[in-house]
Amino acid sequence: MHKHKTKFIFVTGGVASSLGKGIISASLARLLLSRGYRTTIQKLDPYINIDPGTLNPYEHGECYVTEDGAETDLDLGHYERFTNIPTSQANNVTTGRIYLSVIEKERRGDYLGHTVQVIPHVTDEIKRRVRLLAEGDKFDVIITEIGGTVGDIESLPYVEAVRQLTWEMGEDVMVIHLTYVPYLAAAGELKTKPTQHSVKTMLEQGLQPDVIVCRTEHPLSKGVRAKVALFCNVQPECVIESQDARSIYEVPLLMQKEGLDKQVLKILKLPYGGRPNLTKWRSFLRKLEHPHSEIQVALVGKYVELKDAYKSILESFLQAGAVNQCKVKVKMVHSEHLDKDNVEAQLGDCKAILVAPGFGKRGIEGKLAAIEYARTKNVPFLGICLGMQMCVIEFARNVLGWKTANSTEMDPKTKYPVIHIMDEQKNVKNMGGTMRLGAYPCALEKESLLYKVYGKKDISERHRHRYEFNNDYIADFEAAGMKMAGINHGTNAEGKGLIRVEAVELPSHPFFVGVQFHPEYKSTVENPHPLFVAFVRAAMDYAGIHHPDETAKK
């Protein structure tokens, strides 16, 4: 552990959005952590929503949930998967949250009658949020990714706040600028002019990057690096090449090869220490790149045309596949296009079926068809959040014989409300940040499959829901063969004890599990989630594929 003042690294983007600032930030964090520096990452998002909780997945992809119940940008998922360190509310700040805080202070009279302006009031609030993570001496280095692209109107207050921090804190602050260097096939060369213009825009706003990371599809020659360095006022060794990688998990090793971590430590005047300890990371990549087998699993959802909507689930499959040394090919199946007539054709080539989380009635019948297929054909099944609620409804309709069973979310007047809104949600009017969010404890039944999977009775998982299993029907379901495998013991508004069903399973089925929580949020490279690992293993068993360890024993 290194003792010094907390250092701040800001990562900005130029030329185009979606270049991968989050992956570069996460990769740098992984390298610094591997050198023994306590590191965390923060995302500043320039949109005016308070958080992504109310955003359509088509607009913003997955909404990621932290341990403390913050609904955040999906980049925080990358941060946790790369660093293996939980994030919190403080790790994601939006312009909406900044302005809300400033306006609340103005209403309280905190500004003593002064005219409230972007400078200094908004920029001061941004700086306060950045410094918040440094309190308590928990981190040596804080990496702050600024969303959007330099030059956007929305990003101006953030760039100004960073300019002020570089002036106030001197050598304790540095800036990494990620740009795009396009290749013009007709000319047969890489073009640096967009990068030059992007840095010029930064300079006009009073900010000079210390390191420039160039996203490119072709290697940067010495001449190109020298040109970027000359026109952008950085040392040639501070021009870092970031070529497209086969996997995002290769990027830390590529950045180490380029010397990004060394340049950062040099600029921040921090000792290099030894070589980064990336043994576990390299082992994971070897297994990922050299699988012994391959299976196909189905992900049934209504946002399948946008993979970012299920980012954490897809990454969990990838990590669990590496543990099992099996490549997991995920077939994205649109639930709206699925019914009892085509379910065999759509899912027959899959060795496991996952029904995804979501909200609303669109695509529900397709999800029910997929679940009935998995249940009756003994195909390994995992239902997450809404997927768990759907497997309860399918069981009620097709096993208990309650053909009109439903969730009150889909049919408020259903005769059999096997899924209903939680008591504390009944009077909620505002949609943002009001669900049951964050980590809650769950006690697993000792005779359950989940107990074997986790290897312990008491677990904690993250949630994001308003509806839950209706306890009035527990006895009916258990009598028909569905086990209440996970229970949360809590209290209601009157302080009386209550139980919430967090997980169900069918003991008569090789692997049929529904969970109200989101295991995908806690799966990382260093600790792939045991439920996904077991699910992939079940798919391999269903396909008749032996695990490499079992083959070696034979």
Protein backbone atom coordinates (compact mmCIF):
# COMPACT_ATOMS: atom_id res chain seq x y z
CA MET A 1 0.00 0.00 0.00
CA HIS A 2 1.32 3.42 -0.97
CA LYS A 3 1.00 6.47 1.30
CA HIS A 4 0.49 9.81 -0.43
CA LYS A 5 -2.18 12.33 -1.27
CA THR A 6 -5.04 11.03 -3.38
CA LYS A 7 -4.36 11.50 -7.08
CA PHE A 8 -7.06 12.24 -9.68
CA ILE A 9 -7.14 11.06 -13.30
CA PHE A 10 -9.77 12.47 -15.66
CA VAL A 11 -10.67 10.59 -18.84
CA THR A 12 -12.30 12.65 -21.60
CA GLY A 13 -13.42 11.69 -25.09
CA GLY A 14 -13.10 13.37 -28.45
CA VAL A 15 -14.02 13.02 -32.15
CA ALA A 16 -16.85 10.52 -31.56
CA SER A 17 -18.81 8.95 -28.74
CA SER A 18 -18.73 5.23 -27.82
CA LEU A 19 -14.97 4.94 -28.27
CA GLY A 20 -14.62 3.01 -25.02
CA LYS A 21 -13.68 5.51 -22.31
CA GLY A 22 -15.20 3.13 -19.76
CA ILE A 23 -13.05 0.20 -20.90
CA ILE A 24 -9.87 2.33 -20.96
CA SER A 25 -10.69 3.67 -17.48
CA ALA A 26 -11.41 0.18 -16.16
CA SER A 27 -8.23 -1.22 -17.78
CA LEU A 28 -6.07 1.51 -16.23
CA ALA A 29 -7.71 0.84 -12.86
CA ARG A 30 -6.92 -2.87 -13.21
CA LEU A 31 -3.25 -2.08 -13.93
CA LEU A 32 -2.94 0.35 -11.00
CA LEU A 33 -4.65 -2.11 -8.64
CA SER A 34 -2.23 -4.80 -9.85
CA ARG A 35 0.63 -2.54 -8.80
CA GLY A 36 -0.83 -2.17 -5.30
CA TYR A 37 -2.55 1.21 -5.67
CA ARG A 38 -6.02 1.48 -4.13
CA THR A 39 -8.05 2.65 -7.10
CA THR A 40 -11.68 3.40 -7.89
CA ILE A 41 -13.54 4.80 -10.90
CA GLN A 42 -16.28 7.40 -11.13
CA LYS A 43 -18.56 8.32 -14.05
CA LEU A 44 -19.84 11.85 -14.65
CA ASP A 45 -22.75 11.74 -17.09
CA PRO A 46 -23.83 14.95 -18.87
CA TYR A 47 -27.53 14.11 -19.29
CA ILE A 48 -30.16 15.86 -17.17
CA ASN A 49 -31.89 12.70 -15.90
CA ILE A 50 -31.21 12.21 -12.19
CA ASP A 51 -30.11 8.64 -12.97
CA PRO A 52 -30.69 6.07 -15.76
CA GLY A 53 -33.49 4.39 -13.77
CA THR A 54 -36.26 5.89 -15.89
CA LEU A 55 -34.41 5.66 -19.22
CA ASN A 56 -35.56 3.27 -21.94
CA PRO A 57 -32.92 0.54 -22.58
CA TYR A 58 -33.05 1.52 -26.26
CA GLU A 59 -31.79 4.96 -25.21
CA HIS A 60 -29.16 3.97 -22.69
CA GLY A 61 -28.72 0.21 -22.52
CA GLU A 62 -28.73 -1.58 -19.19
CA CYS A 63 -29.39 0.21 -15.91
CA TYR A 64 -26.76 -1.10 -13.49
CA VAL A 65 -27.56 -1.30 -9.76
CA THR A 66 -24.96 -0.89 -7.00
CA GLU A 67 -24.86 -2.45 -3.52
CA ASP A 68 -26.31 0.70 -1.95
CA GLY A 69 -29.21 0.81 -4.38
CA ALA A 70 -28.06 3.43 -6.89
CA GLU A 71 -29.40 3.06 -10.44
CA THR A 72 -26.37 3.89 -12.55
CA ASP A 73 -24.76 3.90 -15.98
CA LEU A 74 -23.77 0.50 -17.40
CA ASP A 75 -20.10 1.57 -17.35
CA LEU A 76 -20.13 0.98 -13.58
CA GLY A 77 -20.68 -2.67 -14.44
CA HIS A 78 -17.42 -2.62 -16.40
CA TYR A 79 -15.70 -0.91 -13.47
CA GLU A 80 -16.78 -3.65 -11.05
CA ARG A 81 -16.07 -6.51 -13.47
CA PHE A 82 -12.52 -5.24 -14.06
CA THR A 83 -11.61 -4.10 -10.54
CA ASN A 84 -13.61 -6.54 -8.39
CA ILE A 85 -14.45 -3.55 -6.14
CA PRO A 86 -18.11 -2.62 -5.46
CA THR A 87 -19.18 0.86 -6.57
CA SER A 88 -21.75 3.11 -4.91
CA GLN A 89 -23.99 6.14 -5.41
CA ALA A 90 -20.87 8.33 -5.29
CA ASN A 91 -19.41 6.59 -8.36
CA ASN A 92 -22.04 7.88 -10.79
CA VAL A 93 -23.10 11.52 -10.98
CA THR A 94 -25.37 13.07 -13.63
CA THR A 95 -25.95 16.69 -14.58
CA GLY A 96 -29.50 16.22 -13.31
CA ARG A 97 -28.20 15.26 -9.87
CA ILE A 98 -25.76 18.18 -9.88
CA TYR A 99 -28.46 20.73 -10.79
CA LEU A 100 -30.93 19.19 -8.33
CA SER A 101 -28.38 19.61 -5.53
CA VAL A 102 -27.61 23.22 -6.54
CA ILE A 103 -31.31 24.12 -6.77
CA GLU A 104 -32.05 22.52 -3.37
CA LYS A 105 -29.24 24.60 -1.83
CA GLU A 106 -30.61 27.73 -3.48
CA ARG A 107 -34.09 27.03 -2.10
CA ARG A 108 -32.64 26.57 1.41
CA GLY A 109 -30.85 29.90 1.12
CA ASP A 110 -27.36 28.38 1.26
CA TYR A 111 -26.06 30.88 -1.31
CA LEU A 112 -27.08 33.87 0.83
CA GLY A 113 -28.96 35.62 -1.95
CA HIS A 114 -26.19 35.43 -4.56
CA THR A 115 -27.11 34.89 -8.19
CA VAL A 116 -26.67 31.15 -8.82
CA GLN A 117 -24.52 30.52 -11.90
CA VAL A 118 -22.76 27.69 -13.73
CA ILE A 119 -19.47 29.17 -12.48
CA PRO A 120 -18.86 28.89 -9.58
CA HIS A 121 -21.95 27.12 -8.19
CA VAL A 122 -22.41 24.24 -10.65
CA THR A 123 -18.68 23.68 -11.13
CA ASP A 124 -18.16 23.77 -7.35
CA GLU A 125 -20.79 21.04 -6.94
CA ILE A 126 -19.07 18.94 -9.63
CA LYS A 127 -15.74 19.35 -7.85
CA ARG A 128 -17.34 18.42 -4.52
CA ARG A 129 -18.71 15.21 -6.03
CA VAL A 130 -15.31 14.34 -7.53
CA ARG A 131 -13.54 14.87 -4.20
CA LEU A 132 -16.20 12.95 -2.26
CA LEU A 133 -14.57 9.60 -3.02
CA ALA A 134 -11.26 10.85 -1.61
CA GLU A 135 -12.72 11.28 1.89
CA GLY A 136 -11.59 8.76 4.48
CA ASP A 137 -8.30 7.95 2.73
CA LYS A 138 -9.79 4.85 1.05
CA PHE A 139 -8.14 5.36 -2.34
CA ASP A 140 -4.74 6.31 -3.69
CA VAL A 141 -6.04 7.05 -7.19
CA ILE A 142 -9.51 8.11 -8.36
CA ILE A 143 -10.23 7.80 -12.09
CA THR A 144 -13.11 9.99 -13.27
CA GLU A 145 -14.62 9.30 -16.66
CA ILE A 146 -16.51 12.22 -18.21
CA GLY A 147 -19.34 11.06 -20.46
CA GLY A 148 -19.99 12.50 -23.88
CA THR A 149 -17.50 14.21 -26.16
CA VAL A 150 -15.40 17.33 -25.59
CA GLY A 151 -17.10 20.15 -27.48
CA ASP A 152 -20.62 19.04 -26.54
CA ILE A 153 -22.60 21.81 -24.85
CA GLU A 154 -23.58 19.35 -22.11
CA SER A 155 -19.94 18.61 -21.23
CA LEU A 156 -18.79 22.23 -20.85
CA PRO A 157 -19.34 22.52 -17.05
CA TYR A 158 -17.42 19.28 -16.48
CA VAL A 159 -14.46 20.33 -18.59
CA GLU A 160 -14.41 23.67 -16.75
CA ALA A 161 -14.52 21.89 -13.38
CA VAL A 162 -11.55 19.73 -14.42
CA ARG A 163 -9.68 22.85 -15.57
CA GLN A 164 -10.22 24.39 -12.14
CA LEU A 165 -9.06 21.21 -10.38
CA THR A 166 -5.86 21.04 -12.44
CA TRP A 167 -5.16 24.64 -11.46
CA GLU A 168 -5.99 24.07 -7.78
CA MET A 169 -4.27 20.69 -7.30
CA GLY A 170 -1.36 20.82 -9.72
CA GLU A 171 0.60 17.57 -9.99
CA ASP A 172 -2.10 15.60 -8.17
CA VAL A 173 -4.31 15.79 -11.28
CA MET A 174 -3.83 14.54 -14.85
CA VAL A 175 -6.00 14.24 -17.96
CA ILE A 176 -6.22 11.35 -20.44
CA HIS A 177 -7.97 12.16 -23.73
CA LEU A 178 -9.38 9.30 -25.81
CA THR A 179 -9.77 10.07 -29.52
CA TYR A 180 -10.36 8.30 -32.80
CA VAL A 181 -7.75 8.11 -35.56
CA PRO A 182 -9.64 7.05 -38.69
CA TYR A 183 -8.11 5.09 -41.58
CA LEU A 184 -8.95 6.36 -45.06
CA ALA A 185 -8.77 3.36 -47.37
CA ALA A 186 -8.69 5.50 -50.53
CA ALA A 187 -5.62 7.36 -49.27
CA GLY A 188 -4.18 4.31 -47.50
CA GLU A 189 -3.33 6.25 -44.37
CA LEU A 190 -4.40 7.15 -40.86
CA LYS A 191 -5.66 10.70 -40.37
CA THR A 192 -4.73 12.67 -37.23
CA LYS A 193 -6.62 15.86 -38.07
CA PRO A 194 -9.79 14.90 -36.07
CA THR A 195 -7.58 14.30 -33.01
CA GLN A 196 -5.82 17.63 -33.51
CA HIS A 197 -9.18 19.43 -33.69
CA SER A 198 -10.46 17.62 -30.61
CA VAL A 199 -7.42 18.66 -28.57
CA LYS A 200 -7.67 22.20 -29.97
CA THR A 201 -11.25 22.33 -28.62
CA MET A 202 -9.93 21.24 -25.22
CA LEU A 203 -7.22 23.89 -25.31
CA GLU A 204 -9.82 26.55 -26.12
CA GLN A 205 -11.59 25.47 -22.93
CA GLY A 206 -8.36 25.77 -20.96
CA LEU A 207 -7.55 22.08 -20.63
CA GLN A 208 -4.38 20.36 -21.84
CA PRO A 209 -4.35 16.53 -21.99
CA ASP A 210 -1.31 14.78 -20.52
CA VAL A 211 -1.85 11.49 -22.36
CA ILE A 212 -3.68 10.84 -25.62
CA VAL A 213 -5.10 7.35 -26.24
CA CYS A 214 -5.85 6.80 -29.92
CA ARG A 215 -8.55 4.30 -30.89
CA THR A 216 -7.55 2.90 -34.25
CA GLU A 217 -8.11 -0.06 -36.55
CA HIS A 218 -4.49 0.00 -37.77
CA PRO A 219 -1.17 0.31 -35.88
CA LEU A 220 0.14 3.83 -35.29
CA SER A 221 3.50 4.36 -36.98
CA LYS A 222 6.24 6.36 -35.28
CA GLY A 223 5.50 9.17 -37.71
CA VAL A 224 1.82 9.28 -36.78
CA ARG A 225 2.66 9.23 -33.06
CA ALA A 226 5.18 12.03 -33.53
CA LYS A 227 2.62 14.10 -35.44
CA VAL A 228 -0.03 13.69 -32.72
CA ALA A 229 2.55 14.52 -30.05
CA LEU A 230 3.75 17.65 -31.89
CA PHE A 231 0.31 19.11 -32.63
CA CYS A 232 -1.25 18.15 -29.32
CA ASN A 233 1.58 19.23 -26.95
CA VAL A 234 2.33 15.82 -25.41
CA GLN A 235 5.44 13.63 -25.29
CA PRO A 236 5.62 10.92 -28.03
CA GLU A 237 5.58 8.19 -25.35
CA CYS A 238 2.31 9.69 -24.09
CA VAL A 239 0.58 8.90 -27.38
CA ILE A 240 -0.95 5.49 -26.68
CA GLU A 241 -2.29 3.14 -29.34
CA SER A 242 -5.57 1.34 -28.61
CA GLN A 243 -6.34 -1.06 -31.43
CA ASP A 244 -9.59 -2.99 -31.60
CA ALA A 245 -9.25 -6.09 -29.42
CA ARG A 246 -10.90 -9.51 -29.73
CA SER A 247 -12.23 -9.09 -26.21
CA ILE A 248 -12.56 -6.12 -23.87
CA TYR A 249 -10.64 -8.20 -21.31
CA GLU A 250 -7.53 -8.02 -23.52
CA VAL A 251 -7.40 -4.24 -23.18
CA PRO A 252 -5.54 -4.11 -19.80
CA LEU A 253 -2.74 -6.23 -21.28
CA LEU A 254 -2.63 -4.08 -24.43
CA MET A 255 -2.48 -0.92 -22.32
CA GLN A 256 0.31 -2.43 -20.20
CA LYS A 257 2.24 -3.27 -23.37
CA GLU A 258 1.79 0.35 -24.52
CA GLY A 259 3.05 1.58 -21.13
CA LEU A 260 -0.09 3.53 -20.19
CA ASP A 261 0.23 2.73 -16.48
CA LYS A 262 3.92 3.73 -16.41
CA GLN A 263 3.23 7.06 -18.10
CA VAL A 264 0.39 7.77 -15.67
CA LEU A 265 2.55 6.99 -12.62
CA LYS A 266 5.38 9.10 -14.04
CA ILE A 267 3.10 12.12 -14.59
CA LEU A 268 1.55 11.75 -11.12
CA LYS A 269 5.03 11.30 -9.57
CA LEU A 270 4.18 7.92 -8.08
CA PRO A 271 6.66 5.01 -7.82
CA TYR A 272 6.31 2.23 -10.40
CA GLY A 273 6.81 -0.57 -7.90
CA GLY A 274 7.19 -4.02 -9.42
CA ARG A 275 5.51 -5.38 -12.52
CA PRO A 276 1.71 -5.52 -12.29
CA ASN A 277 0.51 -8.84 -10.87
CA LEU A 278 -1.83 -9.98 -13.63
CA THR A 279 -1.51 -13.75 -13.11
CA LYS A 280 -5.25 -14.29 -12.48
CA TRP A 281 -6.15 -12.04 -15.37
CA ARG A 282 -3.89 -13.88 -17.82
CA SER A 283 -5.23 -17.23 -16.60
CA PHE A 284 -8.81 -16.03 -17.23
CA LEU A 285 -7.87 -14.83 -20.74
CA ARG A 286 -6.16 -18.17 -21.57
CA LYS A 287 -9.32 -20.07 -20.64
CA LEU A 288 -11.47 -17.56 -22.50
CA GLU A 289 -9.40 -17.80 -25.68
CA HIS A 290 -8.80 -21.57 -25.61
CA PRO A 291 -12.08 -23.27 -24.65
CA HIS A 292 -12.34 -27.07 -24.66
CA SER A 293 -15.95 -27.06 -25.80
CA GLU A 294 -18.79 -24.88 -27.02
CA ILE A 295 -22.50 -24.62 -26.20
CA GLN A 296 -25.36 -22.39 -27.27
CA VAL A 297 -27.78 -20.89 -24.74
CA ALA A 298 -30.87 -18.78 -25.38
CA LEU A 299 -31.45 -15.36 -23.86
CA VAL A 300 -35.17 -14.63 -24.19
CA GLY A 301 -36.06 -10.95 -23.84
CA LYS A 302 -37.71 -8.01 -25.58
CA TYR A 303 -34.63 -5.83 -26.12
CA VAL A 304 -32.48 -8.47 -27.85
CA GLU A 305 -31.67 -6.24 -30.83
CA LEU A 306 -29.72 -4.04 -28.41
CA LYS A 307 -27.12 -6.17 -26.61
CA ASP A 308 -26.24 -3.38 -24.18
CA ALA A 309 -29.68 -3.89 -22.60
CA TYR A 310 -28.40 -7.22 -21.22
CA LYS A 311 -24.72 -6.28 -20.86
CA SER A 312 -24.13 -7.75 -17.39
CA ILE A 313 -25.88 -11.03 -18.30
CA LEU A 314 -23.77 -11.44 -21.44
CA GLU A 315 -20.56 -10.72 -19.52
CA SER A 316 -21.62 -13.16 -16.77
CA PHE A 317 -22.03 -15.89 -19.39
CA LEU A 318 -18.60 -15.09 -20.80
CA GLN A 319 -16.97 -15.25 -17.34
CA ALA A 320 -18.82 -18.45 -16.37
CA GLY A 321 -17.83 -19.98 -19.70
CA ALA A 322 -14.16 -19.28 -18.99
CA VAL A 323 -14.42 -21.04 -15.59
CA ASN A 324 -15.92 -24.09 -17.33
CA GLN A 325 -13.45 -23.77 -20.24
CA CYS A 326 -16.47 -23.71 -22.52
CA LYS A 327 -17.34 -21.03 -25.07
CA VAL A 328 -20.90 -19.84 -24.47
CA LYS A 329 -22.66 -18.65 -27.61
CA VAL A 330 -25.71 -16.61 -26.63
CA LYS A 331 -28.64 -16.79 -29.03
CA MET A 332 -30.73 -13.65 -28.58
CA VAL A 333 -34.39 -14.65 -28.94
CA HIS A 334 -37.04 -11.92 -29.16
CA SER A 335 -39.91 -12.84 -26.85
CA GLU A 336 -42.45 -11.01 -29.05
CA HIS A 337 -41.65 -13.38 -31.92
CA LEU A 338 -41.95 -16.53 -29.79
CA ASP A 339 -45.03 -18.69 -29.25
CA LYS A 340 -46.02 -22.30 -28.64
CA ASP A 341 -46.01 -23.03 -32.39
CA ASN A 342 -42.42 -21.94 -33.07
CA VAL A 343 -40.74 -22.42 -29.68
CA GLU A 344 -39.22 -25.79 -30.68
CA ALA A 345 -37.79 -24.30 -33.87
CA GLN A 346 -36.42 -21.25 -32.02
CA LEU A 347 -35.02 -22.95 -28.91
CA GLY A 348 -34.42 -26.55 -29.99
CA ASP A 349 -30.72 -25.94 -30.69
CA CYS A 350 -30.08 -24.35 -27.28
CA LYS A 351 -28.71 -26.24 -24.28
CA ALA A 352 -30.07 -23.79 -21.70
CA ILE A 353 -32.66 -21.01 -21.58
CA LEU A 354 -32.45 -17.75 -19.65
CA VAL A 355 -35.52 -15.52 -19.44
CA ALA A 356 -34.35 -11.97 -18.92
CA PRO A 357 -35.48 -9.15 -16.60
CA GLY A 358 -37.77 -6.41 -17.85
CA PHE A 359 -40.97 -4.46 -17.28
CA GLY A 360 -44.40 -4.35 -18.88
CA LYS A 361 -46.58 -6.84 -20.77
CA ARG A 362 -44.90 -6.73 -24.20
CA GLY A 363 -43.46 -10.15 -25.08
CA ILE A 364 -44.86 -11.88 -22.00
CA GLU A 365 -46.59 -14.75 -23.84
CA GLY A 366 -43.32 -15.56 -25.62
CA LYS A 367 -41.48 -15.75 -22.32
CA LEU A 368 -44.16 -18.08 -20.93
CA ALA A 369 -43.83 -20.33 -24.00
CA ALA A 370 -40.05 -20.50 -23.51
CA ILE A 371 -40.45 -21.39 -19.82
CA GLU A 372 -43.02 -24.13 -20.52
CA TYR A 373 -40.64 -25.57 -23.12
CA ALA A 374 -37.72 -25.53 -20.66
CA ARG A 375 -39.82 -27.09 -17.88
CA THR A 376 -41.39 -29.87 -19.94
CA LYS A 377 -38.26 -30.73 -21.96
CA ASN A 378 -35.91 -30.67 -18.92
CA VAL A 379 -33.77 -27.93 -20.52
CA PRO A 380 -31.72 -26.02 -17.90
CA PHE A 381 -33.61 -22.82 -17.07
CA LEU A 382 -32.75 -19.60 -15.22
CA GLY A 383 -35.28 -16.79 -14.76
CA ILE A 384 -34.06 -13.43 -13.47
CA CYS A 385 -36.42 -10.87 -11.86
CA LEU A 386 -39.33 -10.72 -14.32
CA GLY A 387 -38.07 -14.08 -15.62
CA MET A 388 -38.63 -15.56 -12.16
CA GLN A 389 -42.11 -14.00 -11.97
CA MET A 390 -42.94 -15.48 -15.38
CA CYS A 391 -41.91 -18.99 -14.31
CA VAL A 392 -44.26 -18.66 -11.32
CA ILE A 393 -47.12 -17.63 -13.66
CA GLU A 394 -46.33 -20.45 -16.12
CA PHE A 395 -46.36 -22.99 -13.28
CA ALA A 396 -49.67 -21.62 -11.98
CA ARG A 397 -51.31 -21.83 -15.40
CA ASN A 398 -49.98 -25.16 -16.63
CA VAL A 399 -49.38 -27.19 -13.45
CA LEU A 400 -51.88 -25.77 -10.96
CA GLY A 401 -54.43 -25.30 -13.75
CA TRP A 402 -55.15 -21.62 -13.04
CA LYS A 403 -55.37 -20.55 -16.68
CA THR A 404 -55.91 -16.86 -15.88
CA ALA A 405 -53.08 -16.60 -13.32
CA ASN A 406 -51.03 -13.46 -13.85
CA SER A 407 -49.10 -10.60 -12.32
CA THR A 408 -51.10 -7.53 -11.32
CA GLU A 409 -48.56 -5.59 -13.39
CA MET A 410 -50.03 -7.21 -16.52
CA ASP A 411 -53.63 -7.77 -15.34
CA PRO A 412 -54.71 -5.81 -12.25
CA LYS A 413 -58.00 -7.76 -12.08
CA THR A 414 -56.64 -11.30 -12.44
CA LYS A 415 -58.45 -13.96 -10.38
CA TYR A 416 -55.10 -15.50 -9.42
CA PRO A 417 -52.60 -12.67 -8.67
CA VAL A 418 -49.65 -15.03 -8.03
CA ILE A 419 -47.34 -12.04 -8.53
CA HIS A 420 -48.46 -8.74 -7.03
CA ILE A 421 -47.12 -5.30 -6.18
CA MET A 422 -45.21 -5.00 -2.92
CA ASP A 423 -47.17 -3.32 -0.10
CA GLU A 424 -44.72 -0.43 0.22
CA GLN A 425 -44.98 0.25 -3.54
CA LYS A 426 -48.78 0.65 -3.67
CA ASN A 427 -48.82 4.39 -3.02
CA VAL A 428 -45.65 5.26 -4.92
CA LYS A 429 -46.27 7.96 -7.54
CA ASN A 430 -42.77 8.84 -8.78
CA MET A 431 -41.04 6.23 -10.95
CA GLY A 432 -37.41 7.26 -10.45
CA GLY A 433 -35.40 5.63 -7.65
CA THR A 434 -38.45 4.24 -5.85
CA MET A 435 -38.19 0.50 -6.54
CA ARG A 436 -36.77 -2.06 -4.12
CA LEU A 437 -33.14 -1.37 -4.97
CA GLY A 438 -29.73 -2.61 -3.88
CA ALA A 439 -28.44 -5.48 -1.79
CA TYR A 440 -30.72 -7.48 0.50
CA PRO A 441 -30.02 -10.69 2.44
CA CYS A 442 -31.53 -14.01 1.43
CA ALA A 443 -31.61 -17.29 3.36
CA LEU A 444 -31.36 -20.41 1.18
CA GLU A 445 -33.12 -23.69 1.99
CA LYS A 446 -30.51 -26.31 2.89
CA GLU A 447 -32.12 -28.94 0.66
CA SER A 448 -32.16 -26.64 -2.36
CA LEU A 449 -30.08 -26.62 -5.53
CA LEU A 450 -29.19 -22.98 -4.81
CA TYR A 451 -27.67 -23.97 -1.47
CA LYS A 452 -25.36 -26.37 -3.34
CA VAL A 453 -24.55 -23.70 -5.92
CA TYR A 454 -23.61 -21.02 -3.35
CA GLY A 455 -22.17 -23.44 -0.78
CA LYS A 456 -23.74 -21.47 2.07
CA LYS A 457 -27.10 -20.59 3.57
CA ASP A 458 -26.93 -16.79 3.86
CA ILE A 459 -26.31 -14.75 0.74
CA SER A 460 -26.74 -11.12 -0.33
CA GLU A 461 -27.85 -10.09 -3.81
CA ARG A 462 -28.94 -6.90 -5.57
CA HIS A 463 -32.53 -6.12 -6.51
CA ARG A 464 -34.54 -3.86 -8.81
CA HIS A 465 -38.28 -4.56 -8.73
CA ARG A 466 -41.75 -3.46 -7.57
CA TYR A 467 -43.60 -6.77 -7.85
CA GLU A 468 -43.03 -10.02 -5.95
CA PHE A 469 -44.37 -13.51 -5.28
CA ASN A 470 -47.75 -13.42 -3.53
CA ASN A 471 -47.31 -15.26 -0.22
CA ASP A 472 -51.00 -16.25 -0.19
CA TYR A 473 -50.14 -18.95 -2.75
CA ILE A 474 -47.00 -20.45 -1.17
CA ALA A 475 -48.78 -23.58 0.12
CA ASP A 476 -50.41 -24.25 -3.29
CA PHE A 477 -47.11 -24.01 -5.15
CA GLU A 478 -45.20 -26.16 -2.67
CA ALA A 479 -47.93 -28.84 -2.72
CA ALA A 480 -47.61 -28.94 -6.53
CA GLY A 481 -43.80 -29.34 -6.41
CA MET A 482 -42.28 -25.84 -6.59
CA LYS A 483 -39.80 -25.13 -3.79
CA MET A 484 -39.45 -21.73 -2.17
CA ALA A 485 -35.64 -21.95 -2.24
CA GLY A 486 -34.69 -18.47 -1.00
CA ILE A 487 -36.42 -16.26 1.55
CA ASN A 488 -35.80 -12.69 2.71
CA HIS A 489 -36.88 -12.13 6.31
CA GLY A 490 -37.88 -8.51 6.87
CA THR A 491 -40.51 -6.27 8.43
CA ASN A 492 -43.48 -4.44 7.00
CA ALA A 493 -44.48 -0.79 7.48
CA GLU A 494 -46.04 -1.64 10.86
CA GLY A 495 -42.85 -3.31 12.02
CA LYS A 496 -44.33 -6.82 11.81
CA GLY A 497 -42.24 -9.68 10.48
CA LEU A 498 -42.74 -10.73 6.88
CA ILE A 499 -41.09 -13.01 4.37
CA ARG A 500 -40.36 -12.37 0.73
CA VAL A 501 -39.83 -15.22 -1.72
CA GLU A 502 -36.51 -14.44 -3.41
CA ALA A 503 -35.96 -17.71 -5.30
CA VAL A 504 -37.94 -20.70 -6.54
CA GLU A 505 -36.87 -24.00 -8.08
CA LEU A 506 -38.26 -27.34 -9.24
CA PRO A 507 -36.54 -30.28 -7.48
CA SER A 508 -38.01 -32.64 -10.12
CA HIS A 509 -36.08 -30.80 -12.87
CA PRO A 510 -32.28 -31.07 -13.48
CA PHE A 511 -31.88 -27.25 -13.28
CA PHE A 512 -34.93 -24.99 -13.04
CA VAL A 513 -34.28 -21.84 -11.00
CA GLY A 514 -36.01 -18.47 -10.78
CA VAL A 515 -34.49 -15.61 -8.76
CA GLN A 516 -36.08 -12.26 -7.94
CA PHE A 517 -32.60 -10.72 -7.58
CA HIS A 518 -29.99 -9.92 -10.25
CA PRO A 519 -26.95 -12.22 -9.92
CA GLU A 520 -25.41 -10.71 -13.06
CA TYR A 521 -24.62 -7.47 -11.21
CA LYS A 522 -22.10 -9.22 -8.95
CA SER A 523 -20.22 -11.33 -11.50
CA THR A 524 -16.61 -10.22 -12.06
CA VAL A 525 -13.50 -11.56 -13.79
CA GLU A 526 -11.93 -12.56 -10.46
CA ASN A 527 -15.22 -13.87 -9.00
CA PRO A 528 -17.58 -15.16 -11.70
CA HIS A 529 -21.03 -15.58 -10.19
CA PRO A 530 -21.59 -19.14 -8.89
CA LEU A 531 -25.16 -19.23 -10.25
CA PHE A 532 -23.97 -18.54 -13.81
CA VAL A 533 -21.08 -20.98 -13.41
CA ALA A 534 -23.53 -23.69 -12.31
CA PHE A 535 -25.99 -22.77 -15.08
CA VAL A 536 -23.31 -23.15 -17.77
CA ARG A 537 -22.22 -26.43 -16.17
CA ALA A 538 -25.85 -27.64 -16.29
CA ALA A 539 -26.01 -26.71 -19.99
CA MET A 540 -22.82 -28.71 -20.60
CA ASP A 541 -24.34 -31.71 -18.77
CA TYR A 542 -27.51 -31.41 -20.85
CA ALA A 543 -25.34 -31.37 -24.00
CA GLY A 544 -23.35 -34.38 -22.79
CA ILE A 545 -20.11 -32.38 -22.59
CA HIS A 546 -17.62 -33.36 -19.90
CA HIS A 547 -15.90 -30.63 -17.93
CA PRO A 548 -12.10 -30.64 -18.61
CA ASP A 549 -11.40 -31.41 -14.93
CA GLU A 550 -13.61 -34.50 -15.07
CA THR A 551 -11.99 -35.67 -18.32
CA ALA A 552 -8.52 -35.30 -16.74
CA LYS A 553 -9.59 -37.42 -13.73
CA LYS A 554 -10.78 -40.20 -16.03
